[in-house]
C-alpha atoms as a PDB file:
ATOM      1  CA  MET A   1      -9.512-163.023 118.950  1.00  0.00           C
ATOM      2  CA  ASN A   2      -8.272-161.306 122.025  1.00  0.00           C
ATOM      3  CA  GLU A   3      -5.621-161.994 124.538  1.00  0.00           C
ATOM      4  CA  ILE A   4      -5.478-162.538 128.230  1.00  0.00           C
ATOM      5  CA  HIS A   5      -2.712-162.103 129.768  1.00  0.00           C
ATOM      6  CA  THR A   6      -1.478-163.813 133.175  1.00  0.00           C
ATOM      7  CA  GLY A   7       1.422-163.338 134.661  1.00  0.00           C
ATOM      8  CA  ALA A   8       4.616-163.893 132.158  1.00  0.00           C
ATOM      9  CA  VAL A   9       1.881-166.404 130.291  1.00  0.00           C
ATOM     10  CA  SER A  10      -0.020-164.900 127.192  1.00  0.00           C
ATOM     11  CA  LYS A  11      -2.838-166.300 125.259  1.00  0.00           C
ATOM     12  CA  GLU A  12      -5.067-166.024 122.652  1.00  0.00           C
ATOM     13  CA  ARG A  13      -9.157-166.881 123.286  1.00  0.00           C
ATOM     14  CA  VAL A  14     -11.719-166.945 120.977  1.00  0.00           C
ATOM     15  CA  LEU A  15     -15.017-163.976 122.111  1.00  0.00           C
ATOM     16  CA  PRO A  16     -17.945-165.025 123.974  1.00  0.00           C
ATOM     17  CA  ARG A  17     -20.615-166.841 122.017  1.00  0.00           C
ATOM     18  CA  GLN A  18     -23.695-164.514 122.137  1.00  0.00           C
ATOM     19  CA  SER A  19     -25.488-166.588 124.815  1.00  0.00           C
ATOM     20  CA  TYR A  20     -22.724-167.164 127.011  1.00  0.00           C
ATOM     21  CA  ARG A  21     -22.961-163.301 128.063  1.00  0.00           C
ATOM     22  CA  SER A  22     -27.406-164.225 128.296  1.00  0.00           C
ATOM     23  CA  GLU A  23     -26.693-167.381 130.383  1.00  0.00           C
ATOM     24  CA  LEU A  24     -24.312-164.884 132.533  1.00  0.00           C
ATOM     25  CA  ASN A  25     -27.285-161.910 132.207  1.00  0.00           C
ATOM     26  CA  TRP A  26     -29.775-164.547 133.595  1.00  0.00           C
ATOM     27  CA  LEU A  27     -27.473-166.027 136.248  1.00  0.00           C
ATOM     28  CA  LEU A  28     -26.613-162.001 137.705  1.00  0.00           C
ATOM     29  CA  ALA A  29     -30.858-161.860 137.531  1.00  0.00           C
ATOM     30  CA  VAL A  30     -31.644-164.888 139.307  1.00  0.00           C
ATOM     31  CA  LEU A  31     -28.800-164.732 142.239  1.00  0.00           C
ATOM     32  CA  PRO A  32     -30.331-162.591 143.979  1.00  0.00           C
ATOM     33  CA  GLY A  33     -33.690-164.018 144.339  1.00  0.00           C
ATOM     34  CA  PHE A  34     -32.525-167.540 145.751  1.00  0.00           C
ATOM     35  CA  PRO A  35     -31.845-166.085 149.079  1.00  0.00           C
ATOM     36  CA  LEU A  36     -34.964-163.923 149.110  1.00  0.00           C
ATOM     37  CA  LEU A  37     -36.780-167.636 148.357  1.00  0.00           C
ATOM     38  CA  LEU A  38     -35.006-169.844 151.453  1.00  0.00           C
ATOM     39  CA  LEU A  39     -36.464-167.016 153.442  1.00  0.00           C
ATOM     40  CA  VAL A  40     -39.906-167.597 152.540  1.00  0.00           C
ATOM     41  CA  LEU A  41     -39.059-170.836 152.640  1.00  0.00           C
ATOM     42  CA  ARG A  42     -38.227-170.847 155.919  1.00  0.00           C
ATOM     43  CA  LEU A  43     -41.302-168.800 157.070  1.00  0.00           C
ATOM     44  CA  TRP A  44     -43.513-171.735 155.062  1.00  0.00           C
ATOM     45  CA  TYR A  45     -41.638-174.480 157.630  1.00  0.00           C
ATOM     46  CA  LEU A  46     -42.296-172.707 160.288  1.00  0.00           C
ATOM     47  CA  SER A  47     -45.810-171.820 159.488  1.00  0.00           C
ATOM     48  CA  ARG A  48     -46.388-175.751 159.269  1.00  0.00           C
ATOM     49  CA  GLN A  49     -47.995-174.576 155.481  1.00  0.00           C
ATOM     50  CA  ASP A  50     -50.658-172.858 156.746  1.00  0.00           C
ATOM     51  CA  MET A  51     -50.771-169.567 155.297  1.00  0.00           C
ATOM     52  CA  PRO A  52     -52.883-167.520 157.665  1.00  0.00           C
ATOM     53  CA  THR A  53     -50.422-168.329 160.036  1.00  0.00           C
ATOM     54  CA  MET A  54     -47.344-167.843 157.677  1.00  0.00           C
ATOM     55  CA  LEU A  55     -48.662-164.298 156.964  1.00  0.00           C
ATOM     56  CA  VAL A  56     -49.162-163.752 160.388  1.00  0.00           C
ATOM     57  CA  LEU A  57     -44.461-164.161 160.547  1.00  0.00           C
ATOM     58  CA  VAL A  58     -43.977-162.307 157.472  1.00  0.00           C
ATOM     59  CA  GLN A  59     -45.785-159.498 159.467  1.00  0.00           C
ATOM     60  CA  TYR A  60     -43.748-158.370 162.613  1.00  0.00           C
ATOM     61  CA  ILE A  61     -40.796-161.136 161.704  1.00  0.00           C
ATOM     62  CA  ASN A  62     -37.797-157.960 161.526  1.00  0.00           C
ATOM     63  CA  PRO A  63     -35.955-159.467 158.354  1.00  0.00           C
ATOM     64  CA  LEU A  64     -32.678-158.089 159.581  1.00  0.00           C
ATOM     65  CA  GLY A  65     -32.931-161.348 161.498  1.00  0.00           C
ATOM     66  CA  MET A  66     -33.523-164.057 159.310  1.00  0.00           C
ATOM     67  CA  LEU A  67     -30.391-162.929 157.443  1.00  0.00           C
ATOM     68  CA  GLY A  68     -28.537-162.943 160.212  1.00  0.00           C
ATOM     69  CA  ALA A  69     -29.748-166.594 160.937  1.00  0.00           C
ATOM     70  CA  LEU A  70     -28.949-166.811 156.537  1.00  0.00           C
ATOM     71  CA  PHE A  71     -25.555-165.304 156.938  1.00  0.00           C
ATOM     72  CA  ILE A  72     -24.748-167.616 160.938  1.00  0.00           C
ATOM     73  CA  THR A  73     -25.661-170.962 158.618  1.00  0.00           C
ATOM     74  CA  LEU A  74     -24.790-171.184 155.320  1.00  0.00           C
ATOM     75  CA  SER A  75     -21.428-168.678 155.645  1.00  0.00           C
ATOM     76  CA  TRP A  76     -19.184-171.937 154.766  1.00  0.00           C
ATOM     77  CA  THR A  77     -20.589-171.871 151.067  1.00  0.00           C
ATOM     78  CA  ILE A  78     -19.198-168.708 150.193  1.00  0.00           C
ATOM     79  CA  PRO A  79     -15.821-170.251 150.122  1.00  0.00           C
ATOM     80  CA  ALA A  80     -16.300-173.526 149.324  1.00  0.00           C
ATOM     81  CA  VAL A  81     -18.235-172.390 146.041  1.00  0.00           C
ATOM     82  CA  ILE A  82     -15.174-169.477 145.444  1.00  0.00           C
ATOM     83  CA  LEU A  83     -12.509-171.856 146.340  1.00  0.00           C
ATOM     84  CA  VAL A  84     -13.828-174.453 143.673  1.00  0.00           C
ATOM     85  CA  VAL A  85     -14.480-172.054 140.762  1.00  0.00           C
ATOM     86  CA  ARG A  86     -10.811-171.295 141.437  1.00  0.00           C
ATOM     87  CA  VAL A  87      -9.505-175.283 141.211  1.00  0.00           C
ATOM     88  CA  LEU A  88     -12.619-175.952 138.256  1.00  0.00           C
ATOM     89  CA  GLY A  89     -11.489-172.912 136.081  1.00  0.00           C
ATOM     90  CA  GLY A  90      -7.442-172.733 136.589  1.00  0.00           C
ATOM     91  CA  ILE A  91      -7.481-176.469 135.489  1.00  0.00           C
ATOM     92  CA  LEU A  92      -9.109-175.980 132.561  1.00  0.00           C
ATOM     93  CA  LEU A  93      -7.223-172.882 131.792  1.00  0.00           C
ATOM     94  CA  VAL A  94      -3.881-174.985 132.242  1.00  0.00           C
ATOM     95  CA  SER A  95      -5.102-177.459 130.332  1.00  0.00           C
ATOM     96  CA  VAL A  96      -6.999-175.936 127.182  1.00  0.00           C
ATOM     97  CA  PRO A  97      -5.483-172.880 127.316  1.00  0.00           C
ATOM     98  CA  ASP A  98      -6.355-171.778 123.738  1.00  0.00           C
ATOM     99  CA  ARG A  99     -10.180-172.559 124.132  1.00  0.00           C
ATOM    100  CA  THR A 100     -11.392-171.277 127.243  1.00  0.00           C
ATOM    101  CA  GLY A 101     -13.194-167.707 126.512  1.00  0.00           C
ATOM    102  CA  THR A 102     -17.131-169.761 126.078  1.00  0.00           C
ATOM    103  CA  SER A 103     -15.997-171.165 129.934  1.00  0.00           C
ATOM    104  CA  PHE A 104     -17.458-169.498 132.697  1.00  0.00           C
ATOM    105  CA  LEU A 105     -15.490-171.437 135.329  1.00  0.00           C
ATOM    106  CA  ALA A 106     -12.571-170.583 133.002  1.00  0.00           C
ATOM    107  CA  VAL A 107     -13.440-166.333 132.839  1.00  0.00           C
ATOM    108  CA  ALA A 108     -14.783-167.102 136.849  1.00  0.00           C
ATOM    109  CA  ALA A 109     -10.681-168.012 137.907  1.00  0.00           C
ATOM    110  CA  LEU A 110      -8.516-165.899 135.535  1.00  0.00           C
ATOM    111  CA  ARG A 111     -10.801-162.820 136.286  1.00  0.00           C
ATOM    112  CA  MET A 112     -10.433-163.808 140.573  1.00  0.00           C
ATOM    113  CA  PRO A 113      -8.267-161.422 142.303  1.00  0.00           C
ATOM    114  CA  GLY A 114      -5.394-162.845 144.511  1.00  0.00           C
ATOM    115  CA  TRP A 115      -7.503-161.542 147.782  1.00  0.00           C
ATOM    116  CA  VAL A 116     -10.728-162.756 147.429  1.00  0.00           C
ATOM    117  CA  VAL A 117      -8.884-166.246 147.135  1.00  0.00           C
ATOM    118  CA  VAL A 118      -7.289-165.384 150.374  1.00  0.00           C
ATOM    119  CA  ILE A 119     -10.205-164.322 152.248  1.00  0.00           C
ATOM    120  CA  ALA A 120     -12.109-167.201 151.500  1.00  0.00           C
ATOM    121  CA  ALA A 121      -9.411-169.359 152.575  1.00  0.00           C
ATOM    122  CA  GLY A 122      -9.292-167.388 155.592  1.00  0.00           C
ATOM    123  CA  ILE A 123     -13.172-167.628 156.257  1.00  0.00           C
ATOM    124  CA  ALA A 124     -13.353-171.165 155.227  1.00  0.00           C
ATOM    125  CA  ALA A 125     -10.044-171.850 158.380  1.00  0.00           C
ATOM    126  CA  PHE A 126     -12.638-170.451 160.688  1.00  0.00           C
ATOM    127  CA  THR A 127     -15.877-171.492 159.434  1.00  0.00           C
ATOM    128  CA  TRP A 128     -15.189-175.360 158.385  1.00  0.00           C
ATOM    129  CA  GLN A 129     -15.161-178.733 160.365  1.00  0.00           C
ATOM    130  CA  LEU A 130     -12.204-179.552 161.250  1.00  0.00           C
ATOM    131  CA  ARG A 131     -12.810-182.649 159.614  1.00  0.00           C
ATOM    132  CA  MET A 132     -13.020-180.635 156.175  1.00  0.00           C
ATOM    133  CA  ILE A 133      -9.669-178.656 157.166  1.00  0.00           C
ATOM    134  CA  PRO A 134      -7.983-181.582 154.968  1.00  0.00           C
ATOM    135  CA  LEU A 135     -10.157-180.616 152.249  1.00  0.00           C
ATOM    136  CA  LEU A 136      -9.652-176.554 152.369  1.00  0.00           C
ATOM    137  CA  LEU A 137      -5.244-177.534 152.279  1.00  0.00           C
ATOM    138  CA  MET A 138      -5.617-179.470 149.427  1.00  0.00           C
ATOM    139  CA  LEU A 139      -7.645-176.894 147.384  1.00  0.00           C
ATOM    140  CA  VAL A 140      -5.104-173.752 148.601  1.00  0.00           C
ATOM    141  CA  VAL A 141      -1.826-175.849 147.490  1.00  0.00           C
ATOM    142  CA  ALA A 142      -3.891-176.864 144.072  1.00  0.00           C
ATOM    143  CA  ILE A 143      -4.322-173.025 143.744  1.00  0.00           C
ATOM    144  CA  LEU A 144      -0.917-172.370 144.243  1.00  0.00           C
ATOM    145  CA  GLY A 145       0.544-175.737 141.977  1.00  0.00           C
ATOM    146  CA  LEU A 146      -2.089-174.224 139.059  1.00  0.00           C
ATOM    147  CA  THR A 147      -1.291-170.253 139.921  1.00  0.00           C
ATOM    148  CA  ALA A 148       2.795-171.104 139.027  1.00  0.00           C
ATOM    149  CA  VAL A 149       2.044-172.764 136.315  1.00  0.00           C
ATOM    150  CA  GLN A 150      -0.049-169.951 135.026  1.00  0.00           C
ATOM    151  CA  SER A 151       2.692-167.535 135.938  1.00  0.00           C
ATOM    152  CA  PHE A 152       6.050-169.020 136.439  1.00  0.00           C
ATOM    153  CA  GLN A 153       6.447-171.381 133.107  1.00  0.00           C
ATOM    154  CA  GLY A 154      10.239-169.979 132.568  1.00  0.00           C
ATOM    155  CA  GLU A 155      10.803-171.103 136.783  1.00  0.00           C
ATOM    156  CA  ARG A 156      11.588-175.108 135.780  1.00  0.00           C
ATOM    157  CA  TRP A 157      12.032-174.897 139.349  1.00  0.00           C
ATOM    158  CA  LEU A 158       9.847-172.556 141.354  1.00  0.00           C
ATOM    159  CA  MET A 159       7.293-174.519 139.332  1.00  0.00           C
ATOM    160  CA  ARG A 160       8.386-177.856 140.513  1.00  0.00           C
ATOM    161  CA  TRP A 161       8.607-176.734 144.292  1.00  0.00           C
ATOM    162  CA  THR A 162       5.307-175.537 143.955  1.00  0.00           C
ATOM    163  CA  THR A 163       3.548-177.469 142.618  1.00  0.00           C
ATOM    164  CA  ILE A 164       5.109-180.918 143.587  1.00  0.00           C
ATOM    165  CA  GLY A 165       7.245-179.982 146.621  1.00  0.00           C
ATOM    166  CA  VAL A 166       4.586-177.566 148.371  1.00  0.00           C
ATOM    167  CA  PRO A 167       1.546-180.586 147.847  1.00  0.00           C
ATOM    168  CA  VAL A 168       3.557-183.444 149.299  1.00  0.00           C
ATOM    169  CA  LEU A 169       4.743-181.077 152.347  1.00  0.00           C
ATOM    170  CA  VAL A 170       1.836-180.055 153.303  1.00  0.00           C
ATOM    171  CA  GLY A 171       0.152-183.113 152.681  1.00  0.00           C
ATOM    172  CA  ILE A 172       3.210-185.186 155.262  1.00  0.00           C
ATOM    173  CA  LEU A 173       2.170-182.243 158.016  1.00  0.00           C
ATOM    174  CA  VAL A 174      -1.598-183.026 157.403  1.00  0.00           C
ATOM    175  CA  TRP A 175      -1.066-187.430 157.889  1.00  0.00           C
ATOM    176  CA  LEU A 176       1.565-185.889 161.076  1.00  0.00           C
ATOM    177  CA  PHE A 177      -0.995-184.050 162.530  1.00  0.00           C
ATOM    178  CA  PHE A 178      -4.755-185.815 161.726  1.00  0.00           C
ATOM    179  CA  TRP A 179      -3.744-189.311 161.680  1.00  0.00           C
ATOM    180  CA  PRO A 180      -4.807-190.339 165.589  1.00  0.00           C
ATOM    181  CA  GLY A 181      -8.083-188.989 164.815  1.00  0.00           C
ATOM    182  CA  VAL A 182      -7.421-191.162 161.026  1.00  0.00           C
ATOM    183  CA  THR A 183      -7.303-194.418 163.109  1.00  0.00           C
ATOM    184  CA  ALA A 184      -9.678-193.324 165.400  1.00  0.00           C
ATOM    185  CA  ALA A 185     -12.963-193.612 163.598  1.00  0.00           C
ATOM    186  CA  VAL A 186     -11.511-196.716 161.035  1.00  0.00           C
ATOM    187  CA  ARG A 187     -11.591-198.604 164.513  1.00  0.00           C
ATOM    188  CA  ALA A 188     -14.900-196.783 165.422  1.00  0.00           C
ATOM    189  CA  GLY A 189     -16.026-197.847 161.977  1.00  0.00           C
ATOM    190  CA  GLU A 190     -16.504-194.396 161.168  1.00  0.00           C
ATOM    191  CA  TYR A 191     -15.250-194.361 157.277  1.00  0.00           C
ATOM    192  CA  GLY A 192     -16.182-190.994 155.818  1.00  0.00           C
ATOM    193  CA  THR A 193     -14.165-189.160 158.817  1.00  0.00           C
ATOM    194  CA  ALA A 194     -11.752-190.924 157.853  1.00  0.00           C
ATOM    195  CA  ILE A 195     -11.292-190.493 154.192  1.00  0.00           C
ATOM    196  CA  LEU A 196     -12.175-186.829 154.380  1.00  0.00           C
ATOM    197  CA  LEU A 197      -9.460-186.325 156.853  1.00  0.00           C
ATOM    198  CA  GLY A 198      -6.482-189.101 155.333  1.00  0.00           C
ATOM    199  CA  ALA A 199      -7.598-188.386 151.577  1.00  0.00           C
ATOM    200  CA  PRO A 200      -7.605-185.422 150.097  1.00  0.00           C
ATOM    201  CA  PRO A 201      -3.056-184.897 151.012  1.00  0.00           C
ATOM    202  CA  LEU A 202      -3.338-187.930 148.309  1.00  0.00           C
ATOM    203  CA  PHE A 203      -5.272-185.146 145.371  1.00  0.00           C
ATOM    204  CA  GLY A 204      -2.722-182.423 145.850  1.00  0.00           C
ATOM    205  CA  PRO A 205      -0.524-182.996 143.720  1.00  0.00           C
ATOM    206  CA  LEU A 206      -2.671-184.037 140.655  1.00  0.00           C
ATOM    207  CA  LEU A 207      -4.375-181.102 141.482  1.00  0.00           C
ATOM    208  CA  THR A 208      -1.724-178.091 139.912  1.00  0.00           C
ATOM    209  CA  GLY A 209      -1.551-179.627 136.744  1.00  0.00           C
ATOM    210  CA  PRO A 210      -2.616-179.590 133.536  1.00  0.00           C
ATOM    211  CA  VAL A 211      -5.154-182.482 132.106  1.00  0.00           C
ATOM    212  CA  PRO A 212      -5.360-184.027 128.519  1.00  0.00           C
ATOM    213  CA  GLU A 213      -6.954-181.164 126.474  1.00  0.00           C
ATOM    214  CA  ARG A 214     -10.090-184.427 125.865  1.00  0.00           C
ATOM    215  CA  TRP A 215     -10.716-185.112 129.374  1.00  0.00           C
ATOM    216  CA  ALA A 216     -10.148-181.371 130.257  1.00  0.00           C
ATOM    217  CA  ARG A 217     -13.897-180.023 129.989  1.00  0.00           C
ATOM    218  CA  ILE A 218     -15.558-184.088 131.278  1.00  0.00           C
ATOM    219  CA  ALA A 219     -13.239-182.797 134.682  1.00  0.00           C
ATOM    220  CA  THR A 220     -13.648-179.574 135.159  1.00  0.00           C
ATOM    221  CA  HIS A 221     -17.733-178.610 134.154  1.00  0.00           C
ATOM    222  CA  TRP A 222     -18.844-181.765 134.778  1.00  0.00           C
ATOM    223  CA  PRO A 223     -18.125-181.346 138.833  1.00  0.00           C
ATOM    224  CA  ALA A 224     -18.607-178.017 138.641  1.00  0.00           C
ATOM    225  CA  VAL A 225     -22.734-178.657 136.938  1.00  0.00           C
ATOM    226  CA  VAL A 226     -23.048-181.182 139.947  1.00  0.00           C
ATOM    227  CA  ALA A 227     -22.100-178.806 142.132  1.00  0.00           C
ATOM    228  CA  ALA A 228     -24.130-176.443 141.381  1.00  0.00           C
ATOM    229  CA  PHE A 229     -27.244-178.554 141.083  1.00  0.00           C
ATOM    230  CA  ALA A 230     -26.989-180.413 144.623  1.00  0.00           C
ATOM    231  CA  LEU A 231     -25.730-176.494 146.666  1.00  0.00           C
ATOM    232  CA  PRO A 232     -28.758-175.453 146.730  1.00  0.00           C
ATOM    233  CA  PHE A 233     -30.404-178.675 148.185  1.00  0.00           C
ATOM    234  CA  VAL A 234     -28.229-178.565 150.697  1.00  0.00           C
ATOM    235  CA  VAL A 235     -28.477-175.068 151.477  1.00  0.00           C
ATOM    236  CA  GLY A 236     -31.761-174.982 152.130  1.00  0.00           C
ATOM    237  CA  VAL A 237     -32.166-178.283 153.753  1.00  0.00           C
ATOM    238  CA  VAL A 238     -29.336-176.932 156.511  1.00  0.00           C
ATOM    239  CA  PHE A 239     -30.890-173.213 156.577  1.00  0.00           C
ATOM    240  CA  LEU A 240     -34.808-175.048 157.045  1.00  0.00           C
ATOM    241  CA  ARG A 241     -33.628-176.432 160.214  1.00  0.00           C
ATOM    242  CA  ALA A 242     -31.261-173.373 161.385  1.00  0.00           C
ATOM    243  CA  PRO A 243     -33.323-171.123 164.316  1.00  0.00           C
ATOM    244  CA  VAL A 244     -34.938-167.995 163.270  1.00  0.00           C
ATOM    245  CA  LEU A 245     -37.584-167.306 166.417  1.00  0.00           C
ATOM    246  CA  PRO A 246     -35.958-167.306 169.399  1.00  0.00           C
ATOM    247  CA  ASN A 247     -37.970-169.671 171.814  1.00  0.00           C
ATOM    248  CA  SER A 248     -39.120-167.867 174.685  1.00  0.00           C
ATOM    249  CA  ALA A 249     -41.552-169.136 177.884  1.00  0.00           C
ATOM    250  CA  ILE A 250     -43.844-167.267 179.212  1.00  0.00           C
ATOM    251  CA  GLU A 251     -45.967-168.028 182.673  1.00  0.00           C
ATOM    252  CA  VAL A 252     -49.972-166.883 181.668  1.00  0.00           C
ATOM    253  CA  ALA A 253     -52.402-165.941 184.621  1.00  0.00           C
ATOM    254  CA  THR A 254     -55.925-165.859 183.832  1.00  0.00           C
ATOM    255  CA  GLU A 255     -58.018-164.336 186.873  1.00  0.00           C
ATOM    256  CA  GLY A 256     -59.959-167.752 187.667  1.00  0.00           C
ATOM    257  CA  GLU A 257     -57.262-170.555 186.725  1.00  0.00           C
ATOM    258  CA  PRO A 258     -54.513-171.702 187.888  1.00  0.00           C
ATOM    259  CA  VAL A 259     -50.865-170.188 186.195  1.00  0.00           C
ATOM    260  CA  ARG A 260     -50.302-172.329 183.157  1.00  0.00           C
ATOM    261  CA  VAL A 261     -46.837-171.365 181.063  1.00  0.00           C
ATOM    262  CA  VAL A 262     -47.385-171.490 177.313  1.00  0.00           C
ATOM    263  CA  ARG A 263     -43.804-172.450 175.400  1.00  0.00           C
ATOM    264  CA  GLY A 264     -42.627-171.933 171.818  1.00  0.00           C
ATOM    265  CA  GLN A 265     -41.218-168.970 169.888  1.00  0.00           C
ATOM    266  CA  LEU A 266     -42.062-165.077 170.448  1.00  0.00           C
ATOM    267  CA  ILE A 267     -43.249-163.882 167.729  1.00  0.00           C
ATOM    268  CA  SER A 268     -43.223-160.157 168.775  1.00  0.00           C
ATOM    269  CA  VAL A 269     -44.787-158.168 171.842  1.00  0.00           C
ATOM    270  CA  ASP A 270     -47.165-155.061 171.184  1.00  0.00           C
ATOM    271  CA  ASP A 271     -48.800-152.256 173.433  1.00  0.00           C
ATOM    272  CA  THR A 272     -51.528-155.216 174.079  1.00  0.00           C
ATOM    273  CA  SER A 273     -50.508-159.202 173.511  1.00  0.00           C
ATOM    274  CA  THR A 274     -47.682-161.123 173.625  1.00  0.00           C
ATOM    275  CA  THR A 275     -47.781-163.471 170.168  1.00  0.00           C
ATOM    276  CA  MET A 276     -46.471-166.701 170.632  1.00  0.00           C
ATOM    277  CA  LEU A 277     -45.827-169.615 168.227  1.00  0.00           C
ATOM    278  CA  GLU A 278     -46.438-172.989 169.852  1.00  0.00           C
ATOM    279  CA  PRO A 279     -44.769-175.974 168.789  1.00  0.00           C
ATOM    280  CA  THR A 280     -48.120-177.148 167.269  1.00  0.00           C
ATOM    281  CA  GLY A 281     -48.106-174.618 164.634  1.00  0.00           C
ATOM    282  CA  GLU A 282     -50.243-172.474 166.177  1.00  0.00           C
ATOM    283  CA  VAL A 283     -50.515-168.869 167.114  1.00  0.00           C
ATOM    284  CA  THR A 284     -51.374-167.829 170.345  1.00  0.00           C
ATOM    285  CA  PHE A 285     -52.012-163.917 171.839  1.00  0.00           C
ATOM    286  CA  VAL A 286     -51.078-163.608 175.238  1.00  0.00           C
ATOM    287  CA  PRO A 287     -52.881-160.536 176.451  1.00  0.00           C
ATOM    288  CA  ASN A 288     -49.531-158.670 177.887  1.00  0.00           C
ATOM    289  CA  GLY A 289     -51.496-158.072 182.014  1.00  0.00           C
ATOM    290  CA  GLU A 290     -52.347-161.845 181.813  1.00  0.00           C
ATOM    291  CA  VAL A 291     -48.521-162.372 181.066  1.00  0.00           C
ATOM    292  CA  LYS A 292     -46.731-163.343 184.603  1.00  0.00           C
ATOM    293  CA  SER A 293     -43.191-163.814 183.482  1.00  0.00           C
ATOM    294  CA  LYS A 294     -41.072-164.417 180.640  1.00  0.00           C
ATOM    295  CA  THR A 295     -37.414-166.398 180.061  1.00  0.00           C
ATOM    296  CA  LEU A 296     -35.671-167.465 176.625  1.00  0.00           C
ATOM    297  CA  CYS A 297     -34.714-171.112 176.083  1.00  0.00           C
ATOM    298  CA  PRO A 298     -31.622-172.172 174.825  1.00  0.00           C
ATOM    299  CA  GLU A 299     -31.307-174.102 172.380  1.00  0.00           C
ATOM    300  CA  PRO A 300     -31.392-178.204 172.650  1.00  0.00           C
ATOM    301  CA  ASP A 301     -28.118-179.021 172.402  1.00  0.00           C
ATOM    302  CA  ARG A 302     -28.785-182.131 168.934  1.00  0.00           C
ATOM    303  CA  ALA A 303     -26.470-184.860 169.638  1.00  0.00           C
ATOM    304  CA  PRO A 304     -22.882-185.123 167.534  1.00  0.00           C
ATOM    305  CA  ASP A 305     -22.724-186.674 164.543  1.00  0.00           C
ATOM    306  CA  SER A 306     -19.717-188.535 165.379  1.00  0.00           C
ATOM    307  CA  ALA A 307     -17.473-188.963 168.100  1.00  0.00           C
ATOM    308  CA  ILE A 308     -14.152-188.815 166.623  1.00  0.00           C
ATOM    309  CA  ALA A 309     -11.670-185.925 168.223  1.00  0.00           C
ATOM    310  CA  VAL A 310      -8.284-184.930 166.790  1.00  0.00           C
ATOM    311  CA  ARG A 311      -5.619-184.232 169.286  1.00  0.00           C
ATOM    312  CA  GLY A 312      -8.721-182.919 172.001  1.00  0.00           C
ATOM    313  CA  TRP A 313     -10.593-181.133 168.684  1.00  0.00           C
ATOM    314  CA  PRO A 314     -14.045-182.702 167.913  1.00  0.00           C
ATOM    315  CA  VAL A 315     -14.965-183.146 163.994  1.00  0.00           C
ATOM    316  CA  GLU A 316     -17.334-181.818 164.076  1.00  0.00           C
ATOM    317  CA  ALA A 317     -15.962-178.221 165.750  1.00  0.00           C
ATOM    318  CA  SER A 318     -15.261-175.673 163.745  1.00  0.00           C
ATOM    319  CA  ALA A 319     -12.148-172.983 165.010  1.00  0.00           C
ATOM    320  CA  LEU A 320     -14.753-170.382 165.378  1.00  0.00           C
ATOM    321  CA  GLN A 321     -16.960-172.405 167.717  1.00  0.00           C
ATOM    322  CA  TRP A 322     -13.560-173.703 169.589  1.00  0.00           C
ATOM    323  CA  ILE A 323     -12.482-169.647 169.982  1.00  0.00           C
ATOM    324  CA  ALA A 324     -15.686-167.704 170.423  1.00  0.00           C
ATOM    325  CA  PRO A 325     -17.259-168.067 173.918  1.00  0.00           C
ATOM    326  CA  THR A 326     -19.815-169.704 175.471  1.00  0.00           C
ATOM    327  CA  ARG A 327     -22.902-169.400 177.844  1.00  0.00           C
ATOM    328  CA  GLU A 328     -22.258-171.436 180.644  1.00  0.00           C
ATOM    329  CA  ALA A 329     -24.373-174.514 181.638  1.00  0.00           C
ATOM    330  CA  ALA A 330     -26.824-173.857 183.901  1.00  0.00           C
ATOM    331  CA  GLY A 331     -29.636-175.680 185.053  1.00  0.00           C
ATOM    332  CA  ILE A 332     -33.293-175.860 183.400  1.00  0.00           C
ATOM    333  CA  ASP A 333     -35.601-173.584 183.942  1.00  0.00           C
ATOM    334  CA  PRO A 334     -38.783-175.393 184.866  1.00  0.00           C
ATOM    335  CA  ARG A 335     -40.900-172.454 182.641  1.00  0.00           C
ATOM    336  CA  CYS A 336     -38.597-174.153 179.866  1.00  0.00           C
ATOM    337  CA  LEU A 337     -40.246-177.366 180.646  1.00  0.00           C
ATOM    338  CA  GLY A 338     -43.943-176.573 180.838  1.00  0.00           C
ATOM    339  CA  ARG A 339     -44.010-176.033 185.029  1.00  0.00           C
ATOM    340  CA  PRO A 340     -44.903-172.851 186.434  1.00  0.00           C
ATOM    341  CA  LEU A 341     -42.302-171.333 188.394  1.00  0.00           C
ATOM    342  CA  ASP A 342     -41.595-172.473 192.443  1.00  0.00           C
ATOM    343  CA  ARG A 343     -42.502-169.543 194.743  1.00  0.00           C
ATOM    344  CA  GLY A 344     -42.666-170.774 197.844  1.00  0.00           C
END
């Protein structure tokens, strides 16, 4: 037996079982390979399952560019994992304080520094969509309440304020701000958006206290297992649609033929040719002597899934998208439409 110290509380736990350490070692060994697997699948998907095309992409694509696309696309997942693990592990710690030595959730929550949670919450506040902000606030107040239960059991008034008062106050403020969006979503028939905006404040006070010991592991481990199995598929689907090569269009002037435009994704430019991946999946090598002009084509704007806005803020927009500068819309270059430039 050894002890766990969390602030003013000292809990005894049994030593971890032998298989627990082996499972953790396997997890740490497999985890670094997941981003590499995503990158390989992205190239396989981009090459339309053609192995020679995939090998060409592997030869020319800069891994740093793909890692940058992976990070930008999946930046919301890391804070989500950290906050969910902290909440579920905290619930298990306060519900079954004497039998948490063999639980990965409890050990991870116990050893997770506070600054990690603060940074994760800050990143989530900037990268999550507006409709996910009520859920983020619910997770934050739940972590505050669970920390109070673990660390300030002697201060009854402080515990009541942190576990009940703060979640209720934050819930009221969330409803006051998001209520116009909730009503607009209900009128538009977007009930999923209405639930995301209005339901989380109801559960904030429920996640700050212990659950019955017999149900503790079911209430914490099963959601964690479901999320662990679902997250790789969600991440894979999102990343497979992320652009990793610039959309481009080049004018090609072949002797004896009219000027034509080759559209696609630019792979590389070397001393002899320009390599393009066309929308059909074919790789085209254009001699540099025949290249008349080049241009970058903007990504096509995806129609929003929801037209709901909360006080002028679209629910699908994040704070980072709202704050960061954007490129001003300009006229569409005819080369991006497959037509040569009209030079009079």
